[in-house]
Amino acid sequence: MPHMLDTMAGFETFARKAALETPFMRESVWKEKYEGAYPDVFEAFYATHGSPSGRAAIVRELARVRQKAEEAAPVVRDAIKTVEAGLPDLLALPAERTPLHVVMVGTFTTNAAVGRVNDELAVFHCLEWFQSAEGARILVAHETTHAWHELALGTPFPNDDAAWMAFSEGVAIAASRALFPGCPELDYFWYGHGEVENWLQWCTDNHQDLLAHFGASIDVPETVETYFGGGMIQGQWRVGFYLADQLVRSLDLPLPTLVSMSVDEGRAAIRRALSEGTEGLRTAGPH
């Protein structure tokens, strides 16, 4: 069985008590009843990609968030079991040491993240972002791959290196595609979110320009945020994930080989792929 910490009982305790309160009072109830029940989880979550600044939005949208969480929780729990059953063999990694999976409602600041709860490597699965069952399964596979990849490396990922970010995100996309093949292609990047129907076509149409710009700016500190965070390229979000998929596919290496590479080897492989020319990347197929 996966190593799982399910906080939904605590969330439901909070939601029942807060449902008739004002939004201002709901935030106090959140801190007392939900964060107070899992202090180590929220300390670790806020230390990674979460933020307490999102509490106000969560409690303001409590009815909608509660409904999403109820719908998402069984899907995510089942997906964790499926992914943990298949991922060690897919990556050729020993299954003795596994990440902790935290099923939770976050604060609208990230859909999933890898961090540490006390000394345990943990995956935070944030149910308020749930869009579809298929998308949620892919997101669980994607983020869990990051955790297993970090376990294989034995060191935290550098979060300020665009070349490494492209490598690690490309590996996670490849693994999620292998675990859940045949899904709509957009779901491997957007996990069921709507209003992105033209995103993949735009990325494909601007393929060479994106690669050239990414390669030229790979050492600029802002590149990680621009391509993989909240920044935009010509009005498009998250285009780095498209490039990451294309670049890692171009390496034409099996997943066990990819996850065995060191940080220096991974980012060097991305730099070589960029420097050697990328005309054929657009038609590269999944491993």
C-alpha atoms as a PDB file:
ATOM      1  CA  MET A   1       0.000   0.000   0.000  1.00  0.00           C
ATOM      2  CA  PRO A   2       1.218   3.548  -0.680  1.00  0.00           C
ATOM      3  CA  HIS A   3       2.507   5.625   2.198  1.00  0.00           C
ATOM      4  CA  MET A   4      -0.361   8.113   2.510  1.00  0.00           C
ATOM      5  CA  LEU A   5      -1.457  10.860   4.897  1.00  0.00           C
ATOM      6  CA  ASP A   6      -5.071  11.720   4.124  1.00  0.00           C
ATOM      7  CA  THR A   7      -6.169  15.023   5.674  1.00  0.00           C
ATOM      8  CA  MET A   8      -9.713  15.039   4.316  1.00  0.00           C
ATOM      9  CA  ALA A   9     -11.323  14.160   7.651  1.00  0.00           C
ATOM     10  CA  GLY A  10      -9.732  17.291   9.087  1.00  0.00           C
ATOM     11  CA  PHE A  11     -10.846  19.374   6.131  1.00  0.00           C
ATOM     12  CA  GLU A  12     -14.418  18.141   6.519  1.00  0.00           C
ATOM     13  CA  THR A  13     -14.362  18.997  10.232  1.00  0.00           C
ATOM     14  CA  PHE A  14     -13.290  22.519   9.291  1.00  0.00           C
ATOM     15  CA  ALA A  15     -15.865  22.793   6.486  1.00  0.00           C
ATOM     16  CA  ARG A  16     -18.791  21.744   8.669  1.00  0.00           C
ATOM     17  CA  LYS A  17     -17.895  24.262  11.354  1.00  0.00           C
ATOM     18  CA  ALA A  18     -17.075  27.076   8.936  1.00  0.00           C
ATOM     19  CA  ALA A  19     -20.011  26.695   6.546  1.00  0.00           C
ATOM     20  CA  LEU A  20     -22.246  29.177   8.418  1.00  0.00           C
ATOM     21  CA  GLU A  21     -19.482  31.587   9.410  1.00  0.00           C
ATOM     22  CA  THR A  22     -18.464  34.791   7.652  1.00  0.00           C
ATOM     23  CA  PRO A  23     -15.402  34.560   5.360  1.00  0.00           C
ATOM     24  CA  PHE A  24     -13.365  36.438   7.956  1.00  0.00           C
ATOM     25  CA  MET A  25     -14.252  33.948  10.672  1.00  0.00           C
ATOM     26  CA  ARG A  26     -13.790  31.014   8.308  1.00  0.00           C
ATOM     27  CA  GLU A  27     -10.107  31.841   7.973  1.00  0.00           C
ATOM     28  CA  SER A  28      -9.691  31.629  11.745  1.00  0.00           C
ATOM     29  CA  VAL A  29     -11.549  28.304  11.763  1.00  0.00           C
ATOM     30  CA  TRP A  30      -9.288  27.040   8.933  1.00  0.00           C
ATOM     31  CA  LYS A  31      -6.185  27.794  10.982  1.00  0.00           C
ATOM     32  CA  GLU A  32      -7.638  26.278  14.142  1.00  0.00           C
ATOM     33  CA  LYS A  33      -9.410  23.193  12.825  1.00  0.00           C
ATOM     34  CA  TYR A  34      -7.534  22.261   9.638  1.00  0.00           C
ATOM     35  CA  GLU A  35      -4.013  23.593   9.924  1.00  0.00           C
ATOM     36  CA  GLY A  36      -4.129  22.931  13.657  1.00  0.00           C
ATOM     37  CA  ALA A  37      -4.892  19.251  13.023  1.00  0.00           C
ATOM     38  CA  TYR A  38      -1.903  18.840  10.675  1.00  0.00           C
ATOM     39  CA  PRO A  39       0.698  21.434  11.722  1.00  0.00           C
ATOM     40  CA  ASP A  40       3.670  19.565  10.239  1.00  0.00           C
ATOM     41  CA  VAL A  41       1.920  19.208   6.886  1.00  0.00           C
ATOM     42  CA  PHE A  42       1.080  22.886   6.557  1.00  0.00           C
ATOM     43  CA  GLU A  43       4.461  24.039   7.820  1.00  0.00           C
ATOM     44  CA  ALA A  44       6.088  21.928   5.101  1.00  0.00           C
ATOM     45  CA  PHE A  45       3.530  22.926   2.463  1.00  0.00           C
ATOM     46  CA  TYR A  46       3.981  26.637   3.093  1.00  0.00           C
ATOM     47  CA  ALA A  47       7.756  26.166   3.031  1.00  0.00           C
ATOM     48  CA  THR A  48       7.600  24.808  -0.526  1.00  0.00           C
ATOM     49  CA  HIS A  49       5.080  26.064  -3.103  1.00  0.00           C
ATOM     50  CA  GLY A  50       2.117  26.730  -0.857  1.00  0.00           C
ATOM     51  CA  SER A  51       1.283  30.061   0.729  1.00  0.00           C
ATOM     52  CA  PRO A  52      -0.985  31.088   3.596  1.00  0.00           C
ATOM     53  CA  SER A  53      -1.941  34.123   1.488  1.00  0.00           C
ATOM     54  CA  GLY A  54      -4.388  31.883  -0.360  1.00  0.00           C
ATOM     55  CA  ARG A  55      -6.478  31.097   2.719  1.00  0.00           C
ATOM     56  CA  ALA A  56      -8.852  33.979   2.038  1.00  0.00           C
ATOM     57  CA  ALA A  57      -9.668  32.720  -1.463  1.00  0.00           C
ATOM     58  CA  ILE A  58     -10.222  29.159  -0.254  1.00  0.00           C
ATOM     59  CA  VAL A  59     -12.620  30.081   2.527  1.00  0.00           C
ATOM     60  CA  ARG A  60     -14.470  32.549   0.302  1.00  0.00           C
ATOM     61  CA  GLU A  61     -15.129  29.739  -2.197  1.00  0.00           C
ATOM     62  CA  LEU A  62     -15.753  27.122   0.488  1.00  0.00           C
ATOM     63  CA  ALA A  63     -18.894  25.535  -0.994  1.00  0.00           C
ATOM     64  CA  ARG A  64     -17.271  25.087  -4.405  1.00  0.00           C
ATOM     65  CA  VAL A  65     -13.970  23.893  -2.942  1.00  0.00           C
ATOM     66  CA  ARG A  66     -15.744  21.406  -0.681  1.00  0.00           C
ATOM     67  CA  GLN A  67     -17.610  19.946  -3.658  1.00  0.00           C
ATOM     68  CA  LYS A  68     -14.415  19.677  -5.717  1.00  0.00           C
ATOM     69  CA  ALA A  69     -12.575  18.012  -2.848  1.00  0.00           C
ATOM     70  CA  GLU A  70     -15.338  15.441  -2.368  1.00  0.00           C
ATOM     71  CA  GLU A  71     -15.215  14.607  -6.071  1.00  0.00           C
ATOM     72  CA  ALA A  72     -11.441  14.598  -6.289  1.00  0.00           C
ATOM     73  CA  ALA A  73     -10.489  12.639  -3.169  1.00  0.00           C
ATOM     74  CA  PRO A  74     -11.436   9.096  -4.303  1.00  0.00           C
ATOM     75  CA  VAL A  75      -9.941   9.722  -7.762  1.00  0.00           C
ATOM     76  CA  VAL A  76      -6.652  10.913  -6.329  1.00  0.00           C
ATOM     77  CA  ARG A  77      -6.462   8.118  -3.749  1.00  0.00           C
ATOM     78  CA  ASP A  78      -6.978   5.497  -6.469  1.00  0.00           C
ATOM     79  CA  ALA A  79      -4.480   7.223  -8.753  1.00  0.00           C
ATOM     80  CA  ILE A  80      -1.828   7.200  -6.015  1.00  0.00           C
ATOM     81  CA  LYS A  81      -2.308   3.448  -5.632  1.00  0.00           C
ATOM     82  CA  THR A  82      -2.097   2.874  -9.396  1.00  0.00           C
ATOM     83  CA  VAL A  83       0.965   5.059  -9.845  1.00  0.00           C
ATOM     84  CA  GLU A  84       2.844   3.617  -6.891  1.00  0.00           C
ATOM     85  CA  ALA A  85       2.102   0.108  -8.171  1.00  0.00           C
ATOM     86  CA  GLY A  86       3.644   0.831 -11.560  1.00  0.00           C
ATOM     87  CA  LEU A  87       6.206   3.587 -11.229  1.00  0.00           C
ATOM     88  CA  PRO A  88       9.100   1.761  -9.509  1.00  0.00           C
ATOM     89  CA  ASP A  89       9.175  -0.882 -12.245  1.00  0.00           C
ATOM     90  CA  LEU A  90       8.784   1.747 -14.966  1.00  0.00           C
ATOM     91  CA  LEU A  91      11.777   3.654 -13.613  1.00  0.00           C
ATOM     92  CA  ALA A  92      13.681   0.502 -12.568  1.00  0.00           C
ATOM     93  CA  LEU A  93      13.993   1.771  -8.995  1.00  0.00           C
ATOM     94  CA  PRO A  94      13.794  -0.252  -5.783  1.00  0.00           C
ATOM     95  CA  ALA A  95      10.432   0.017  -4.052  1.00  0.00           C
ATOM     96  CA  GLU A  96      11.677  -0.176  -0.461  1.00  0.00           C
ATOM     97  CA  ARG A  97      11.700   3.597   0.065  1.00  0.00           C
ATOM     98  CA  THR A  98       8.625   5.471  -1.128  1.00  0.00           C
ATOM     99  CA  PRO A  99       7.449   9.079  -0.845  1.00  0.00           C
ATOM    100  CA  LEU A 100       4.716  10.172   1.534  1.00  0.00           C
ATOM    101  CA  HIS A 101       1.528  11.164  -0.289  1.00  0.00           C
ATOM    102  CA  VAL A 102      -0.416  13.957   1.400  1.00  0.00           C
ATOM    103  CA  VAL A 103      -4.029  14.256   0.221  1.00  0.00           C
ATOM    104  CA  MET A 104      -5.126  17.768   1.153  1.00  0.00           C
ATOM    105  CA  VAL A 105      -6.864  20.983   0.250  1.00  0.00           C
ATOM    106  CA  GLY A 106      -4.282  23.664  -0.365  1.00  0.00           C
ATOM    107  CA  THR A 107      -4.609  27.400  -0.858  1.00  0.00           C
ATOM    108  CA  PHE A 108      -4.939  27.809  -4.639  1.00  0.00           C
ATOM    109  CA  THR A 109      -1.176  28.348  -4.935  1.00  0.00           C
ATOM    110  CA  THR A 110      -0.164  25.037  -6.532  1.00  0.00           C
ATOM    111  CA  ASN A 111      -1.955  21.963  -7.836  1.00  0.00           C
ATOM    112  CA  ALA A 112       0.733  19.596  -6.515  1.00  0.00           C
ATOM    113  CA  ALA A 113       4.228  19.883  -5.132  1.00  0.00           C
ATOM    114  CA  VAL A 114       7.111  17.890  -3.741  1.00  0.00           C
ATOM    115  CA  GLY A 115       8.523  18.868  -0.372  1.00  0.00           C
ATOM    116  CA  ARG A 116       9.410  17.401   2.980  1.00  0.00           C
ATOM    117  CA  VAL A 117       7.233  16.677   5.983  1.00  0.00           C
ATOM    118  CA  ASN A 118       9.732  16.479   8.803  1.00  0.00           C
ATOM    119  CA  ASP A 119      12.395  14.230   7.233  1.00  0.00           C
ATOM    120  CA  GLU A 120      10.132  12.478   4.729  1.00  0.00           C
ATOM    121  CA  LEU A 121      10.026  13.312   1.047  1.00  0.00           C
ATOM    122  CA  ALA A 122       6.375  14.096   0.372  1.00  0.00           C
ATOM    123  CA  VAL A 123       4.012  14.779  -2.514  1.00  0.00           C
ATOM    124  CA  PHE A 124       1.280  17.307  -1.729  1.00  0.00           C
ATOM    125  CA  HIS A 125      -1.855  16.580  -3.777  1.00  0.00           C
ATOM    126  CA  CYS A 126      -4.050  19.694  -3.666  1.00  0.00           C
ATOM    127  CA  LEU A 127      -7.656  18.798  -4.407  1.00  0.00           C
ATOM    128  CA  GLU A 128      -9.003  22.318  -4.907  1.00  0.00           C
ATOM    129  CA  TRP A 129      -7.484  22.290  -8.418  1.00  0.00           C
ATOM    130  CA  PHE A 130      -9.388  19.180  -9.533  1.00  0.00           C
ATOM    131  CA  GLN A 131     -10.637  19.443 -13.132  1.00  0.00           C
ATOM    132  CA  SER A 132     -11.282  15.898 -14.359  1.00  0.00           C
ATOM    133  CA  ALA A 133     -10.580  12.336 -13.322  1.00  0.00           C
ATOM    134  CA  GLU A 134      -8.268  11.752 -16.283  1.00  0.00           C
ATOM    135  CA  GLY A 135      -6.356  14.960 -15.658  1.00  0.00           C
ATOM    136  CA  ALA A 136      -6.022  14.228 -11.941  1.00  0.00           C
ATOM    137  CA  ARG A 137      -4.532  10.798 -12.633  1.00  0.00           C
ATOM    138  CA  ILE A 138      -1.931  12.325 -14.939  1.00  0.00           C
ATOM    139  CA  LEU A 139      -1.082  15.001 -12.383  1.00  0.00           C
ATOM    140  CA  VAL A 140      -0.581  12.354  -9.686  1.00  0.00           C
ATOM    141  CA  ALA A 141       1.720  10.434 -12.038  1.00  0.00           C
ATOM    142  CA  HIS A 142       3.639  13.584 -12.990  1.00  0.00           C
ATOM    143  CA  GLU A 143       4.278  14.832  -9.466  1.00  0.00           C
ATOM    144  CA  THR A 144       4.975  11.363  -8.062  1.00  0.00           C
ATOM    145  CA  THR A 145       7.598  10.892 -10.770  1.00  0.00           C
ATOM    146  CA  HIS A 146       9.322  14.026  -9.483  1.00  0.00           C
ATOM    147  CA  ALA A 147       9.399  12.503  -6.000  1.00  0.00           C
ATOM    148  CA  TRP A 148      10.799   9.168  -7.175  1.00  0.00           C
ATOM    149  CA  HIS A 149      13.302  10.982  -9.378  1.00  0.00           C
ATOM    150  CA  GLU A 150      14.480  12.954  -6.349  1.00  0.00           C
ATOM    151  CA  LEU A 151      14.759   9.757  -4.317  1.00  0.00           C
ATOM    152  CA  ALA A 152      16.889   8.276  -7.093  1.00  0.00           C
ATOM    153  CA  LEU A 153      19.154  11.343  -7.143  1.00  0.00           C
ATOM    154  CA  GLY A 154      19.444  11.455  -3.362  1.00  0.00           C
ATOM    155  CA  THR A 155      19.370  15.251  -3.392  1.00  0.00           C
ATOM    156  CA  PRO A 156      16.725  17.963  -3.827  1.00  0.00           C
ATOM    157  CA  PHE A 157      16.208  19.328  -7.329  1.00  0.00           C
ATOM    158  CA  PRO A 158      17.736  22.724  -8.084  1.00  0.00           C
ATOM    159  CA  ASN A 159      14.776  25.036  -8.645  1.00  0.00           C
ATOM    160  CA  ASP A 160      16.667  27.882 -10.308  1.00  0.00           C
ATOM    161  CA  ASP A 161      18.231  26.076 -13.278  1.00  0.00           C
ATOM    162  CA  ALA A 162      16.239  26.202 -16.521  1.00  0.00           C
ATOM    163  CA  ALA A 163      18.167  23.352 -18.172  1.00  0.00           C
ATOM    164  CA  TRP A 164      17.535  21.035 -15.236  1.00  0.00           C
ATOM    165  CA  MET A 165      13.913  22.141 -15.052  1.00  0.00           C
ATOM    166  CA  ALA A 166      13.446  21.160 -18.702  1.00  0.00           C
ATOM    167  CA  PHE A 167      15.064  17.795 -18.049  1.00  0.00           C
ATOM    168  CA  SER A 168      13.087  16.923 -14.912  1.00  0.00           C
ATOM    169  CA  GLU A 169       9.754  18.128 -16.300  1.00  0.00           C
ATOM    170  CA  GLY A 170      10.348  16.217 -19.526  1.00  0.00           C
ATOM    171  CA  VAL A 171      11.042  13.050 -17.548  1.00  0.00           C
ATOM    172  CA  ALA A 172       7.833  13.515 -15.520  1.00  0.00           C
ATOM    173  CA  ILE A 173       5.773  14.048 -18.666  1.00  0.00           C
ATOM    174  CA  ALA A 174       7.292  10.936 -20.262  1.00  0.00           C
ATOM    175  CA  ALA A 175       6.510   8.837 -17.188  1.00  0.00           C
ATOM    176  CA  SER A 176       2.930  10.098 -16.914  1.00  0.00           C
ATOM    177  CA  ARG A 177       2.402   9.325 -20.585  1.00  0.00           C
ATOM    178  CA  ALA A 178       3.770   5.810 -20.082  1.00  0.00           C
ATOM    179  CA  LEU A 179       1.606   5.172 -17.006  1.00  0.00           C
ATOM    180  CA  PHE A 180      -1.575   6.563 -18.577  1.00  0.00           C
ATOM    181  CA  PRO A 181      -1.206   6.237 -22.348  1.00  0.00           C
ATOM    182  CA  GLY A 182      -3.759   7.381 -24.853  1.00  0.00           C
ATOM    183  CA  CYS A 183      -5.088  10.408 -22.970  1.00  0.00           C
ATOM    184  CA  PRO A 184      -5.781  13.723 -24.707  1.00  0.00           C
ATOM    185  CA  GLU A 185      -2.391  15.257 -25.385  1.00  0.00           C
ATOM    186  CA  LEU A 186      -3.258  18.498 -23.616  1.00  0.00           C
ATOM    187  CA  ASP A 187      -3.885  16.611 -20.374  1.00  0.00           C
ATOM    188  CA  TYR A 188      -0.198  15.693 -20.111  1.00  0.00           C
ATOM    189  CA  PHE A 189       0.512  19.428 -19.751  1.00  0.00           C
ATOM    190  CA  TRP A 190      -2.688  20.925 -18.301  1.00  0.00           C
ATOM    191  CA  TYR A 191      -4.320  18.040 -16.357  1.00  0.00           C
ATOM    192  CA  GLY A 192      -7.848  18.693 -17.573  1.00  0.00           C
ATOM    193  CA  HIS A 193      -7.904  22.487 -17.288  1.00  0.00           C
ATOM    194  CA  GLY A 194     -10.157  24.203 -19.778  1.00  0.00           C
ATOM    195  CA  GLU A 195      -9.595  27.279 -21.918  1.00  0.00           C
ATOM    196  CA  VAL A 196      -6.285  25.996 -23.310  1.00  0.00           C
ATOM    197  CA  GLU A 197      -7.574  24.366 -26.475  1.00  0.00           C
ATOM    198  CA  ASN A 198      -5.230  26.373 -28.706  1.00  0.00           C
ATOM    199  CA  TRP A 199      -2.159  26.130 -26.484  1.00  0.00           C
ATOM    200  CA  LEU A 200      -0.588  23.039 -28.046  1.00  0.00           C
ATOM    201  CA  GLN A 201      -1.172  24.273 -31.579  1.00  0.00           C
ATOM    202  CA  TRP A 202       0.377  27.620 -30.680  1.00  0.00           C
ATOM    203  CA  CYS A 203       3.422  25.886 -29.203  1.00  0.00           C
ATOM    204  CA  THR A 204       3.765  23.729 -32.312  1.00  0.00           C
ATOM    205  CA  ASP A 205       3.423  26.717 -34.619  1.00  0.00           C
ATOM    206  CA  ASN A 206       6.085  28.627 -32.670  1.00  0.00           C
ATOM    207  CA  HIS A 207       8.276  25.584 -32.035  1.00  0.00           C
ATOM    208  CA  GLN A 208      11.556  26.832 -33.500  1.00  0.00           C
ATOM    209  CA  ASP A 209      11.263  30.348 -32.119  1.00  0.00           C
ATOM    210  CA  LEU A 210      10.548  28.969 -28.647  1.00  0.00           C
ATOM    211  CA  LEU A 211      13.549  26.668 -28.768  1.00  0.00           C
ATOM    212  CA  ALA A 212      15.809  29.452 -29.993  1.00  0.00           C
ATOM    213  CA  HIS A 213      14.635  31.856 -27.304  1.00  0.00           C
ATOM    214  CA  PHE A 214      14.858  29.236 -24.563  1.00  0.00           C
ATOM    215  CA  GLY A 215      18.374  28.268 -25.628  1.00  0.00           C
ATOM    216  CA  ALA A 216      19.505  31.889 -25.768  1.00  0.00           C
ATOM    217  CA  SER A 217      18.052  32.714 -22.337  1.00  0.00           C
ATOM    218  CA  ILE A 218      18.770  29.447 -20.534  1.00  0.00           C
ATOM    219  CA  ASP A 219      21.228  31.087 -18.116  1.00  0.00           C
ATOM    220  CA  VAL A 220      19.037  34.118 -17.386  1.00  0.00           C
ATOM    221  CA  PRO A 221      17.665  33.871 -13.823  1.00  0.00           C
ATOM    222  CA  GLU A 222      14.122  34.796 -14.888  1.00  0.00           C
ATOM    223  CA  THR A 223      13.882  31.998 -17.464  1.00  0.00           C
ATOM    224  CA  VAL A 224      12.561  29.401 -14.998  1.00  0.00           C
ATOM    225  CA  GLU A 225       9.668  31.648 -13.996  1.00  0.00           C
ATOM    226  CA  THR A 226       8.977  32.731 -17.579  1.00  0.00           C
ATOM    227  CA  TYR A 227       8.838  29.227 -19.011  1.00  0.00           C
ATOM    228  CA  PHE A 228       7.741  27.072 -16.082  1.00  0.00           C
ATOM    229  CA  GLY A 229       6.129  29.430 -13.582  1.00  0.00           C
ATOM    230  CA  GLY A 230       3.769  32.374 -13.756  1.00  0.00           C
ATOM    231  CA  GLY A 231       5.411  34.132 -16.687  1.00  0.00           C
ATOM    232  CA  MET A 232       4.175  34.249 -20.248  1.00  0.00           C
ATOM    233  CA  ILE A 233       5.567  34.068 -23.754  1.00  0.00           C
ATOM    234  CA  GLN A 234       3.346  36.062 -26.109  1.00  0.00           C
ATOM    235  CA  GLY A 235       0.383  35.549 -23.820  1.00  0.00           C
ATOM    236  CA  GLN A 236       0.926  31.800 -23.364  1.00  0.00           C
ATOM    237  CA  TRP A 237       1.586  30.139 -19.990  1.00  0.00           C
ATOM    238  CA  ARG A 238       3.795  27.147 -19.214  1.00  0.00           C
ATOM    239  CA  VAL A 239       5.391  26.826 -22.636  1.00  0.00           C
ATOM    240  CA  GLY A 240       8.463  25.366 -20.951  1.00  0.00           C
ATOM    241  CA  PHE A 241       6.568  22.140 -20.373  1.00  0.00           C
ATOM    242  CA  TYR A 242       6.036  21.747 -24.116  1.00  0.00           C
ATOM    243  CA  LEU A 243       9.747  22.342 -24.726  1.00  0.00           C
ATOM    244  CA  ALA A 244      10.712  19.984 -21.899  1.00  0.00           C
ATOM    245  CA  ASP A 245       8.679  17.204 -23.480  1.00  0.00           C
ATOM    246  CA  GLN A 246      10.197  17.824 -26.898  1.00  0.00           C
ATOM    247  CA  LEU A 247      13.772  18.034 -25.634  1.00  0.00           C
ATOM    248  CA  VAL A 248      13.622  14.914 -23.470  1.00  0.00           C
ATOM    249  CA  ARG A 249      11.984  12.940 -26.284  1.00  0.00           C
ATOM    250  CA  SER A 250      14.856  13.975 -28.545  1.00  0.00           C
ATOM    251  CA  LEU A 251      17.358  12.322 -26.174  1.00  0.00           C
ATOM    252  CA  ASP A 252      15.803   8.967 -27.148  1.00  0.00           C
ATOM    253  CA  LEU A 253      16.704   7.343 -23.839  1.00  0.00           C
ATOM    254  CA  PRO A 254      14.591   4.949 -21.759  1.00  0.00           C
ATOM    255  CA  LEU A 255      13.177   6.231 -18.492  1.00  0.00           C
ATOM    256  CA  PRO A 256      15.485   4.153 -16.242  1.00  0.00           C
ATOM    257  CA  THR A 257      18.489   5.726 -17.954  1.00  0.00           C
ATOM    258  CA  LEU A 258      17.048   9.212 -17.633  1.00  0.00           C
ATOM    259  CA  VAL A 259      16.361   8.942 -13.895  1.00  0.00           C
ATOM    260  CA  SER A 260      19.835   7.505 -13.297  1.00  0.00           C
ATOM    261  CA  MET A 261      21.495  10.633 -14.682  1.00  0.00           C
ATOM    262  CA  SER A 262      22.919  13.172 -12.261  1.00  0.00           C
ATOM    263  CA  VAL A 263      21.810  16.803 -12.222  1.00  0.00           C
ATOM    264  CA  ASP A 264      24.917  17.783 -14.164  1.00  0.00           C
ATOM    265  CA  GLU A 265      24.303  15.044 -16.727  1.00  0.00           C
ATOM    266  CA  GLY A 266      20.634  15.944 -17.128  1.00  0.00           C
ATOM    267  CA  ARG A 267      21.153  19.619 -17.717  1.00  0.00           C
ATOM    268  CA  ALA A 268      24.116  18.935 -19.994  1.00  0.00           C
ATOM    269  CA  ALA A 269      21.904  16.641 -22.085  1.00  0.00           C
ATOM    270  CA  ILE A 270      19.362  19.444 -22.522  1.00  0.00           C
ATOM    271  CA  ARG A 271      22.059  21.906 -23.525  1.00  0.00           C
ATOM    272  CA  ARG A 272      23.401  19.437 -26.096  1.00  0.00           C
ATOM    273  CA  ALA A 273      19.923  18.891 -27.513  1.00  0.00           C
ATOM    274  CA  LEU A 274      19.516  22.632 -27.895  1.00  0.00           C
ATOM    275  CA  SER A 275      22.929  23.128 -29.480  1.00  0.00           C
ATOM    276  CA  GLU A 276      22.770  20.180 -31.877  1.00  0.00           C
ATOM    277  CA  GLY A 277      19.675  21.408 -33.681  1.00  0.00           C
ATOM    278  CA  THR A 278      16.048  20.579 -33.062  1.00  0.00           C
ATOM    279  CA  GLU A 279      14.300  20.398 -36.429  1.00  0.00           C
ATOM    280  CA  GLY A 280      13.191  16.826 -35.776  1.00  0.00           C
ATOM    281  CA  LEU A 281      11.818  17.400 -32.299  1.00  0.00           C
ATOM    282  CA  ARG A 282       8.321  18.251 -33.427  1.00  0.00           C
ATOM    283  CA  THR A 283       7.620  14.723 -34.629  1.00  0.00           C
ATOM    284  CA  ALA A 284       9.431  12.851 -31.882  1.00  0.00           C
ATOM    285  CA  GLY A 285       7.279  10.139 -30.324  1.00  0.00           C
ATOM    286  CA  PRO A 286       6.883   9.041 -26.718  1.00  0.00           C
ATOM    287  CA  HIS A 287       9.175   6.368 -25.284  1.00  0.00           C
END
